Amino acid sequence: MAMVGDRKAFVEQIDHAILEELSVEDRLNAEVRQLLKTYEQDIERGHVDYQRMFTMVKSKLARERGIIL
């Protein structure tokens, strides 16, 4: 009987770890979007490629923070 409880607790811990790991990238994406709002006018005018800038900023922040994507 103890094995079932231990297994359930283990699975819950793994689920939590996976969800936390996935939310790290979601939070990083939200931060990058917020940072890029500064360049909104340049992006709208076509002076800056949004997707390219998003990728560059996201990669830089991930590297600085030791986040593996």
Protein backbone atom coordinates (compact mmCIF):
# COMPACT_ATOMS: atom_id res chain seq x y z
CA MET A 1 0.00 0.00 0.00
CA ALA A 2 2.84 2.41 0.77
CA MET A 3 4.18 1.88 -2.74
CA VAL A 4 1.01 3.32 -4.28
CA GLY A 5 1.23 6.48 -2.17
CA ASP A 6 4.94 6.85 -2.89
CA ARG A 7 4.34 6.40 -6.60
CA LYS A 8 1.52 8.93 -6.58
CA ALA A 9 3.68 11.49 -4.74
CA PHE A 10 6.54 10.82 -7.16
CA VAL A 11 4.30 11.32 -10.21
CA GLU A 12 2.92 14.55 -8.71
CA GLN A 13 6.46 15.84 -8.14
CA ILE A 14 7.43 15.00 -11.72
CA ASP A 15 4.28 16.69 -13.06
CA HIS A 16 5.06 19.80 -11.02
CA ALA A 17 8.67 19.88 -12.25
CA ILE A 18 7.59 19.54 -15.89
CA LEU A 19 4.96 22.27 -15.59
CA GLU A 20 7.45 24.57 -13.87
CA GLU A 21 9.98 23.96 -16.62
CA LEU A 22 7.42 24.74 -19.32
CA SER A 23 6.31 27.90 -17.55
CA VAL A 24 9.91 29.19 -17.51
CA GLU A 25 9.81 29.59 -21.29
CA ASP A 26 6.31 31.09 -21.15
CA ARG A 27 7.49 33.73 -18.67
CA LEU A 28 10.58 34.42 -20.79
CA ASN A 29 8.40 34.87 -23.90
CA ALA A 30 6.15 37.30 -22.01
CA GLU A 31 9.17 39.29 -20.85
CA VAL A 32 10.57 39.48 -24.39
CA ARG A 33 7.19 40.67 -25.74
CA GLN A 34 7.12 43.36 -23.04
CA LEU A 35 10.66 44.49 -23.89
CA LEU A 36 9.85 44.66 -27.59
CA LYS A 37 6.94 47.03 -26.96
CA THR A 38 9.66 49.68 -26.69
CA TYR A 39 10.38 49.15 -30.39
CA GLU A 40 6.73 48.96 -31.44
CA GLN A 41 6.89 52.00 -33.73
CA ASP A 42 10.08 50.80 -35.44
CA ILE A 43 8.53 47.38 -35.96
CA GLU A 44 5.34 48.89 -37.42
CA ARG A 45 7.39 51.04 -39.79
CA GLY A 46 9.29 47.98 -40.96
CA HIS A 47 12.63 49.15 -39.57
CA VAL A 48 12.89 46.11 -37.31
CA ASP A 49 11.82 42.52 -38.01
CA TYR A 50 9.75 41.50 -34.96
CA GLN A 51 10.39 37.76 -35.22
CA ARG A 52 14.11 38.19 -35.70
CA MET A 53 14.36 40.63 -32.79
CA PHE A 54 12.20 38.36 -30.61
CA THR A 55 14.49 35.40 -31.27
CA MET A 56 17.64 37.43 -30.64
CA VAL A 57 16.39 38.94 -27.37
CA LYS A 58 15.02 35.61 -26.14
CA SER A 59 18.29 33.82 -26.89
CA LYS A 60 20.31 36.53 -25.16
CA LEU A 61 18.16 36.49 -22.02
CA ALA A 62 18.15 32.69 -21.91
CA ARG A 63 21.94 32.58 -22.25
CA GLU A 64 22.42 35.23 -19.53
CA ARG A 65 20.13 33.35 -17.15
CA GLY A 66 21.40 29.87 -17.91
CA ILE A 67 18.05 28.76 -19.31
CA ILE A 68 18.25 25.87 -21.74
CA LEU A 69 15.51 26.06 -24.36
